[in-house]
N, C-alpha and C. Protein backbone atom coordinates (compact mmCIF):
# COMPACT_ATOMS: atom_id res chain seq x y z
N MET A 1 -15.97 113.51 0.19
CA MET A 1 -15.85 113.54 -1.26
C MET A 1 -14.49 113.01 -1.69
N ASP A 2 -13.41 113.40 -1.00
CA ASP A 2 -12.08 112.91 -1.34
C ASP A 2 -11.98 111.40 -1.16
N GLU A 3 -12.58 110.89 -0.11
CA GLU A 3 -12.56 109.45 0.15
C GLU A 3 -13.31 108.70 -0.95
N GLU A 4 -14.43 109.19 -1.34
CA GLU A 4 -15.21 108.56 -2.40
C GLU A 4 -14.44 108.59 -3.72
N LEU A 5 -13.82 109.70 -4.01
CA LEU A 5 -13.02 109.82 -5.23
C LEU A 5 -11.83 108.86 -5.20
N ARG A 6 -11.20 108.73 -4.03
CA ARG A 6 -10.08 107.81 -3.86
C ARG A 6 -10.53 106.36 -4.09
N ARG A 7 -11.68 106.00 -3.56
CA ARG A 7 -12.22 104.65 -3.76
C ARG A 7 -12.53 104.39 -5.23
N MET A 8 -13.05 105.38 -5.91
CA MET A 8 -13.37 105.23 -7.33
C MET A 8 -12.09 105.01 -8.14
N PHE A 9 -11.04 105.79 -7.80
CA PHE A 9 -9.78 105.61 -8.51
C PHE A 9 -9.16 104.25 -8.21
N GLU A 10 -9.27 103.80 -6.96
CA GLU A 10 -8.74 102.48 -6.59
C GLU A 10 -9.48 101.38 -7.34
N THR A 11 -10.80 101.51 -7.41
CA THR A 11 -11.61 100.54 -8.15
C THR A 11 -11.22 100.56 -9.62
N LEU A 12 -11.03 101.74 -10.15
CA LEU A 12 -10.63 101.88 -11.55
C LEU A 12 -9.26 101.23 -11.79
N ARG A 13 -8.32 101.42 -10.87
CA ARG A 13 -7.00 100.79 -10.98
C ARG A 13 -7.11 99.26 -10.93
N GLU A 14 -7.92 98.76 -10.01
CA GLU A 14 -8.10 97.31 -9.89
C GLU A 14 -8.74 96.74 -11.16
N ASP A 15 -9.75 97.44 -11.65
CA ASP A 15 -10.39 96.99 -12.89
C ASP A 15 -9.41 97.02 -14.06
N GLY A 16 -8.59 98.04 -14.12
CA GLY A 16 -7.58 98.15 -15.18
C GLY A 16 -6.56 97.03 -15.08
N ALA A 17 -6.15 96.69 -13.86
CA ALA A 17 -5.19 95.61 -13.67
C ALA A 17 -5.81 94.27 -14.08
N ALA A 18 -7.07 94.08 -13.71
CA ALA A 18 -7.77 92.85 -14.09
C ALA A 18 -7.90 92.76 -15.61
N THR A 19 -8.19 93.88 -16.25
CA THR A 19 -8.30 93.91 -17.71
C THR A 19 -6.95 93.58 -18.35
N CYS A 20 -5.87 94.13 -17.79
CA CYS A 20 -4.53 93.82 -18.32
C CYS A 20 -4.22 92.33 -18.18
N ARG A 21 -4.54 91.74 -17.02
CA ARG A 21 -4.30 90.31 -16.84
C ARG A 21 -5.11 89.50 -17.85
N HIS A 22 -6.36 89.90 -18.05
CA HIS A 22 -7.22 89.21 -19.01
C HIS A 22 -6.62 89.27 -20.42
N PHE A 23 -6.16 90.44 -20.83
CA PHE A 23 -5.56 90.58 -22.16
C PHE A 23 -4.26 89.78 -22.27
N ASP A 24 -3.47 89.76 -21.18
CA ASP A 24 -2.23 88.97 -21.20
C ASP A 24 -2.54 87.49 -21.42
N ILE A 25 -3.54 86.99 -20.73
CA ILE A 25 -3.94 85.59 -20.88
C ILE A 25 -4.46 85.34 -22.29
N THR A 26 -5.27 86.26 -22.77
CA THR A 26 -5.82 86.12 -24.12
C THR A 26 -4.70 86.12 -25.16
N VAL A 27 -3.75 87.00 -25.01
CA VAL A 27 -2.62 87.07 -25.95
C VAL A 27 -1.82 85.78 -25.91
N GLU A 28 -1.57 85.24 -24.72
CA GLU A 28 -0.83 83.99 -24.61
C GLU A 28 -1.57 82.86 -25.32
N ARG A 29 -2.87 82.78 -25.14
CA ARG A 29 -3.66 81.75 -25.82
C ARG A 29 -3.59 81.92 -27.34
N MET A 30 -3.69 83.15 -27.81
CA MET A 30 -3.62 83.40 -29.25
C MET A 30 -2.24 83.05 -29.79
N GLU A 31 -1.18 83.36 -29.04
CA GLU A 31 0.17 83.02 -29.47
C GLU A 31 0.33 81.51 -29.60
N ARG A 32 -0.22 80.74 -28.64
CA ARG A 32 -0.16 79.28 -28.72
C ARG A 32 -0.92 78.79 -29.95
N ARG A 33 -2.06 79.39 -30.22
CA ARG A 33 -2.83 78.98 -31.39
C ARG A 33 -2.09 79.31 -32.68
N PHE A 34 -1.46 80.48 -32.74
CA PHE A 34 -0.69 80.84 -33.94
C PHE A 34 0.50 79.90 -34.11
N ASP A 35 1.15 79.53 -33.01
CA ASP A 35 2.26 78.58 -33.10
C ASP A 35 1.77 77.24 -33.63
N LEU A 36 0.63 76.78 -33.14
CA LEU A 36 0.06 75.53 -33.62
C LEU A 36 -0.29 75.63 -35.10
N LEU A 37 -0.89 76.73 -35.49
CA LEU A 37 -1.24 76.94 -36.89
C LEU A 37 0.01 76.96 -37.78
N ALA A 38 1.06 77.62 -37.31
CA ALA A 38 2.31 77.67 -38.07
C ALA A 38 2.89 76.26 -38.23
N ASP A 39 2.83 75.44 -37.17
CA ASP A 39 3.30 74.06 -37.26
C ASP A 39 2.49 73.27 -38.28
N LEU A 40 1.18 73.46 -38.26
CA LEU A 40 0.33 72.76 -39.22
C LEU A 40 0.63 73.18 -40.66
N VAL A 41 0.84 74.45 -40.87
CA VAL A 41 1.15 74.94 -42.22
C VAL A 41 2.49 74.38 -42.68
N ARG A 42 3.48 74.35 -41.78
CA ARG A 42 4.78 73.77 -42.14
C ARG A 42 4.63 72.30 -42.51
N GLY A 43 3.84 71.58 -41.73
CA GLY A 43 3.61 70.16 -42.03
C GLY A 43 2.95 69.97 -43.37
N LEU A 44 1.96 70.80 -43.67
CA LEU A 44 1.29 70.70 -44.97
C LEU A 44 2.23 71.06 -46.10
N ASP A 45 3.07 72.05 -45.88
CA ASP A 45 4.03 72.46 -46.89
C ASP A 45 5.01 71.32 -47.19
N GLU A 46 5.49 70.66 -46.14
CA GLU A 46 6.41 69.54 -46.33
C GLU A 46 5.70 68.39 -47.04
N LYS A 47 4.46 68.13 -46.65
CA LYS A 47 3.70 67.05 -47.29
C LYS A 47 3.46 67.38 -48.77
N PHE A 48 3.11 68.62 -49.06
CA PHE A 48 2.91 69.05 -50.44
C PHE A 48 4.19 68.89 -51.25
N ASP A 49 5.32 69.28 -50.68
CA ASP A 49 6.60 69.14 -51.37
C ASP A 49 6.90 67.68 -51.68
N ARG A 50 6.66 66.79 -50.70
CA ARG A 50 6.91 65.37 -50.94
C ARG A 50 6.01 64.83 -52.05
N ARG A 51 4.73 65.19 -51.99
CA ARG A 51 3.79 64.71 -53.00
C ARG A 51 4.16 65.24 -54.39
N LEU A 52 4.56 66.50 -54.46
CA LEU A 52 4.95 67.09 -55.74
C LEU A 52 6.20 66.40 -56.29
N ASN A 53 7.17 66.13 -55.42
CA ASN A 53 8.37 65.42 -55.86
C ASN A 53 8.03 64.01 -56.34
N ASP A 54 7.15 63.32 -55.61
CA ASP A 54 6.73 61.98 -56.04
C ASP A 54 6.06 62.05 -57.41
N LEU A 55 5.19 63.03 -57.60
CA LEU A 55 4.50 63.18 -58.88
C LEU A 55 5.48 63.47 -60.00
N GLU A 56 6.43 64.37 -59.76
CA GLU A 56 7.43 64.68 -60.78
C GLU A 56 8.25 63.44 -61.12
N ASN A 57 8.61 62.66 -60.12
CA ASN A 57 9.38 61.44 -60.39
C ASN A 57 8.57 60.44 -61.21
N ARG A 58 7.30 60.31 -60.89
CA ARG A 58 6.46 59.39 -61.66
C ARG A 58 6.28 59.86 -63.09
N VAL A 59 6.07 61.17 -63.26
CA VAL A 59 5.92 61.71 -64.62
C VAL A 59 7.21 61.51 -65.40
N ASN A 60 8.33 61.86 -64.79
CA ASN A 60 9.61 61.68 -65.49
C ASN A 60 9.87 60.22 -65.79
N GLY A 61 9.53 59.32 -64.87
CA GLY A 61 9.68 57.90 -65.12
C GLY A 61 8.79 57.44 -66.26
N GLY A 62 7.59 58.00 -66.34
CA GLY A 62 6.68 57.67 -67.43
C GLY A 62 7.24 58.11 -68.76
N PHE A 63 7.86 59.28 -68.80
CA PHE A 63 8.48 59.74 -70.05
C PHE A 63 9.65 58.85 -70.43
N ASP A 64 10.40 58.38 -69.44
CA ASP A 64 11.51 57.46 -69.74
C ASP A 64 10.97 56.18 -70.35
N ASP A 65 9.88 55.67 -69.76
CA ASP A 65 9.26 54.46 -70.31
C ASP A 65 8.76 54.71 -71.73
N LEU A 66 8.17 55.87 -71.96
CA LEU A 66 7.67 56.20 -73.29
C LEU A 66 8.80 56.29 -74.30
N ARG A 67 9.90 56.91 -73.90
CA ARG A 67 11.06 57.00 -74.80
C ARG A 67 11.58 55.61 -75.14
N LEU A 68 11.67 54.75 -74.14
CA LEU A 68 12.14 53.38 -74.38
C LEU A 68 11.19 52.65 -75.32
N PHE A 69 9.89 52.76 -75.07
CA PHE A 69 8.89 52.12 -75.92
C PHE A 69 8.99 52.63 -77.35
N THR A 70 9.15 53.95 -77.49
CA THR A 70 9.26 54.55 -78.82
C THR A 70 10.50 54.03 -79.54
N ARG A 71 11.63 53.95 -78.83
CA ARG A 71 12.85 53.42 -79.43
C ARG A 71 12.65 51.99 -79.89
N LEU A 72 12.00 51.19 -79.04
CA LEU A 72 11.76 49.79 -79.41
C LEU A 72 10.84 49.71 -80.63
N THR A 73 9.82 50.54 -80.65
CA THR A 73 8.88 50.53 -81.76
C THR A 73 9.59 50.96 -83.05
N TYR A 74 10.37 52.03 -83.00
CA TYR A 74 11.08 52.47 -84.20
C TYR A 74 12.09 51.43 -84.65
N SER A 75 12.77 50.80 -83.72
CA SER A 75 13.75 49.79 -84.13
C SER A 75 13.04 48.59 -84.75
N ASP A 76 11.85 48.24 -84.23
CA ASP A 76 11.07 47.15 -84.81
C ASP A 76 10.61 47.52 -86.22
N ILE A 77 10.13 48.72 -86.40
CA ILE A 77 9.71 49.18 -87.73
C ILE A 77 10.90 49.20 -88.67
N ASP A 78 12.02 49.71 -88.19
CA ASP A 78 13.22 49.76 -89.02
C ASP A 78 13.64 48.37 -89.46
N ARG A 79 13.60 47.42 -88.54
CA ARG A 79 13.94 46.03 -88.87
C ARG A 79 13.00 45.48 -89.94
N ARG A 80 11.71 45.75 -89.81
CA ARG A 80 10.74 45.24 -90.78
C ARG A 80 10.94 45.88 -92.16
N VAL A 81 11.18 47.19 -92.17
CA VAL A 81 11.39 47.89 -93.44
C VAL A 81 12.64 47.36 -94.12
N ARG A 82 13.71 47.18 -93.37
CA ARG A 82 14.96 46.64 -93.95
C ARG A 82 14.74 45.23 -94.51
N ALA A 83 13.93 44.45 -93.80
CA ALA A 83 13.64 43.10 -94.28
C ALA A 83 12.88 43.17 -95.59
N LEU A 84 11.96 44.13 -95.71
CA LEU A 84 11.22 44.28 -96.97
C LEU A 84 12.11 44.80 -98.08
N GLU A 85 13.02 45.68 -97.75
CA GLU A 85 13.93 46.22 -98.76
C GLU A 85 14.83 45.13 -99.33
N VAL A 86 15.20 44.19 -98.50
CA VAL A 86 16.08 43.12 -98.93
C VAL A 86 15.34 42.22 -99.92
N LYS A 87 14.04 42.03 -99.72
CA LYS A 87 13.24 41.14 -100.61
C LYS A 87 13.08 41.76 -101.91
């Protein structure tokens, strides 16, 4: 009976060690996947920031163009009105 019990405990220890190795391997694989996912998220974040900055620059440039166009239009109208006032 003692020998059988000893064998059962030894088997249980071996199974436990195998389970620990399995979990260690699984954890390492998951850590690599999380690292890869973190790299992908960082890349997307940087890409998003670049795109947002490009969009802001284009919008601001468009407003500058609009301001210039408006100034030219008002100066043209002002010139025409002054010409009419002189007549």
